[in-house]
Amino acid sequence: MKVYNKIILTACLLVIGTVAFAGPGGPPATPIDGGLSLLLAAGGIYGLKKIRDNRK
């Protein structure tokens, strides 16, 4: 049981250290332009096509 406690303690200390030294957040707003919208739409259509093909 002591091994699990050491593993949990080590994991918690690693996470705390990472969060403590984290810098400020990213840019306030990331624009989504037309190209990204088209890629998302194409991915959705392709996914629907694959689902329909798998049902047949």
N, C-alpha and C. Protein backbone atom coordinates (compact mmCIF):
# COMPACT_ATOMS: atom_id res chain seq x y z
N MET A 1 0.81 -1.19 0.00
CA MET A 1 0.00 0.00 0.00
C MET A 1 0.86 1.26 0.00
N LYS A 2 2.04 1.19 0.58
CA LYS A 2 2.91 2.36 0.65
C LYS A 2 3.41 2.76 -0.73
N VAL A 3 3.54 1.78 -1.63
CA VAL A 3 3.99 2.08 -2.99
C VAL A 3 2.98 2.96 -3.70
N TYR A 4 1.70 2.67 -3.54
CA TYR A 4 0.65 3.48 -4.16
C TYR A 4 0.66 4.90 -3.61
N ASN A 5 0.89 5.05 -2.32
CA ASN A 5 0.93 6.38 -1.73
C ASN A 5 2.09 7.20 -2.30
N LYS A 6 3.24 6.56 -2.51
CA LYS A 6 4.38 7.27 -3.08
C LYS A 6 4.11 7.67 -4.52
N ILE A 7 3.45 6.80 -5.27
CA ILE A 7 3.13 7.11 -6.67
C ILE A 7 2.15 8.28 -6.73
N ILE A 8 1.14 8.26 -5.90
CA ILE A 8 0.15 9.34 -5.88
C ILE A 8 0.79 10.65 -5.45
N LEU A 9 1.65 10.61 -4.43
CA LEU A 9 2.33 11.81 -3.97
C LEU A 9 3.23 12.38 -5.06
N THR A 10 3.97 11.53 -5.74
CA THR A 10 4.85 11.98 -6.82
C THR A 10 4.04 12.62 -7.94
N ALA A 11 2.94 11.99 -8.34
CA ALA A 11 2.10 12.53 -9.40
C ALA A 11 1.53 13.89 -9.01
N CYS A 12 1.08 14.03 -7.77
CA CYS A 12 0.53 15.31 -7.31
C CYS A 12 1.60 16.40 -7.32
N LEU A 13 2.80 16.09 -6.88
CA LEU A 13 3.87 17.08 -6.86
C LEU A 13 4.26 17.50 -8.28
N LEU A 14 4.27 16.57 -9.21
CA LEU A 14 4.57 16.92 -10.59
C LEU A 14 3.51 17.84 -11.19
N VAL A 15 2.25 17.55 -10.90
CA VAL A 15 1.17 18.38 -11.43
C VAL A 15 1.21 19.77 -10.80
N ILE A 16 1.43 19.84 -9.52
CA ILE A 16 1.48 21.13 -8.84
C ILE A 16 2.64 21.96 -9.37
N GLY A 17 3.79 21.34 -9.60
CA GLY A 17 4.94 22.06 -10.14
C GLY A 17 4.67 22.58 -11.54
N THR A 18 3.98 21.82 -12.35
CA THR A 18 3.66 22.26 -13.70
C THR A 18 2.69 23.43 -13.68
N VAL A 19 1.70 23.37 -12.83
CA VAL A 19 0.71 24.45 -12.75
C VAL A 19 1.33 25.71 -12.14
N ALA A 20 2.23 25.55 -11.19
CA ALA A 20 2.82 26.70 -10.52
C ALA A 20 3.69 27.51 -11.46
N PHE A 21 4.37 26.87 -12.40
CA PHE A 21 5.27 27.58 -13.30
C PHE A 21 4.63 27.88 -14.65
N ALA A 22 3.34 27.66 -14.78
CA ALA A 22 2.67 27.94 -16.04
C ALA A 22 2.59 29.45 -16.25
N GLY A 23 2.77 29.85 -17.50
CA GLY A 23 2.72 31.27 -17.83
C GLY A 23 1.29 31.71 -18.02
N PRO A 24 1.13 32.96 -18.43
CA PRO A 24 -0.23 33.45 -18.68
C PRO A 24 -0.86 32.70 -19.85
N GLY A 25 -2.15 32.79 -19.95
CA GLY A 25 -2.89 32.07 -20.98
C GLY A 25 -2.52 32.53 -22.38
N GLY A 26 -3.08 31.89 -23.35
CA GLY A 26 -2.81 32.20 -24.74
C GLY A 26 -3.44 33.51 -25.16
N PRO A 27 -3.49 33.75 -26.45
CA PRO A 27 -4.10 34.99 -26.92
C PRO A 27 -5.58 35.05 -26.52
N PRO A 28 -6.11 36.23 -26.31
CA PRO A 28 -7.48 36.35 -25.81
C PRO A 28 -8.53 35.78 -26.75
N ALA A 29 -8.31 35.89 -28.06
CA ALA A 29 -9.29 35.36 -28.99
C ALA A 29 -8.57 34.86 -30.24
N THR A 30 -8.84 33.64 -30.61
CA THR A 30 -8.24 33.08 -31.82
C THR A 30 -9.29 33.11 -32.92
N PRO A 31 -9.03 33.83 -34.00
CA PRO A 31 -10.03 33.92 -35.05
C PRO A 31 -10.17 32.61 -35.82
N ILE A 32 -11.37 32.27 -36.14
CA ILE A 32 -11.64 31.09 -36.97
C ILE A 32 -12.04 31.63 -38.33
N ASP A 33 -11.13 31.50 -39.29
CA ASP A 33 -11.39 32.05 -40.60
C ASP A 33 -12.13 31.04 -41.48
N GLY A 34 -12.36 31.41 -42.72
CA GLY A 34 -13.13 30.57 -43.63
C GLY A 34 -12.48 29.23 -43.91
N GLY A 35 -11.15 29.18 -43.98
CA GLY A 35 -10.46 27.93 -44.28
C GLY A 35 -10.68 26.87 -43.21
N LEU A 36 -10.59 27.27 -41.96
CA LEU A 36 -10.81 26.33 -40.87
C LEU A 36 -12.25 25.86 -40.83
N SER A 37 -13.18 26.75 -41.11
CA SER A 37 -14.59 26.38 -41.15
C SER A 37 -14.85 25.35 -42.25
N LEU A 38 -14.23 25.55 -43.40
CA LEU A 38 -14.40 24.59 -44.50
C LEU A 38 -13.80 23.23 -44.14
N LEU A 39 -12.66 23.22 -43.48
CA LEU A 39 -12.06 21.95 -43.07
C LEU A 39 -12.95 21.21 -42.06
N LEU A 40 -13.53 21.94 -41.12
CA LEU A 40 -14.42 21.32 -40.14
C LEU A 40 -15.67 20.75 -40.82
N ALA A 41 -16.22 21.50 -41.77
CA ALA A 41 -17.41 21.03 -42.49
C ALA A 41 -17.08 19.80 -43.32
N ALA A 42 -15.93 19.82 -44.00
CA ALA A 42 -15.53 18.67 -44.82
C ALA A 42 -15.31 17.44 -43.94
N GLY A 43 -14.73 17.62 -42.77
CA GLY A 43 -14.53 16.50 -41.85
C GLY A 43 -15.84 15.92 -41.36
N GLY A 44 -16.80 16.79 -41.08
CA GLY A 44 -18.12 16.31 -40.65
C GLY A 44 -18.83 15.54 -41.75
N ILE A 45 -18.75 16.04 -42.97
CA ILE A 45 -19.39 15.35 -44.10
C ILE A 45 -18.72 14.01 -44.34
N TYR A 46 -17.40 13.98 -44.27
CA TYR A 46 -16.67 12.72 -44.47
C TYR A 46 -17.03 11.71 -43.38
N GLY A 47 -17.16 12.18 -42.14
CA GLY A 47 -17.55 11.29 -41.05
C GLY A 47 -18.94 10.71 -41.25
N LEU A 48 -19.88 11.54 -41.70
CA LEU A 48 -21.23 11.04 -41.97
C LEU A 48 -21.23 10.01 -43.10
N LYS A 49 -20.42 10.25 -44.11
CA LYS A 49 -20.32 9.30 -45.22
C LYS A 49 -19.79 7.96 -44.73
N LYS A 50 -18.77 7.99 -43.88
CA LYS A 50 -18.20 6.75 -43.35
C LYS A 50 -19.22 6.00 -42.49
N ILE A 51 -20.00 6.72 -41.71
CA ILE A 51 -21.02 6.07 -40.87
C ILE A 51 -22.06 5.40 -41.76
N ARG A 52 -22.50 6.11 -42.80
CA ARG A 52 -23.49 5.52 -43.71
C ARG A 52 -22.94 4.31 -44.44
N ASP A 53 -21.67 4.37 -44.86
CA ASP A 53 -21.04 3.23 -45.55
C ASP A 53 -20.93 2.01 -44.64
N ASN A 54 -20.65 2.24 -43.37
CA ASN A 54 -20.49 1.13 -42.42
C ASN A 54 -21.84 0.47 -42.11
N ARG A 55 -22.93 1.22 -42.22
CA ARG A 55 -24.25 0.64 -41.94
C ARG A 55 -24.73 -0.28 -43.05
N LYS A 56 -24.21 -0.06 -44.27
CA LYS A 56 -24.65 -0.88 -45.41
C LYS A 56 -24.05 -2.24 -45.40
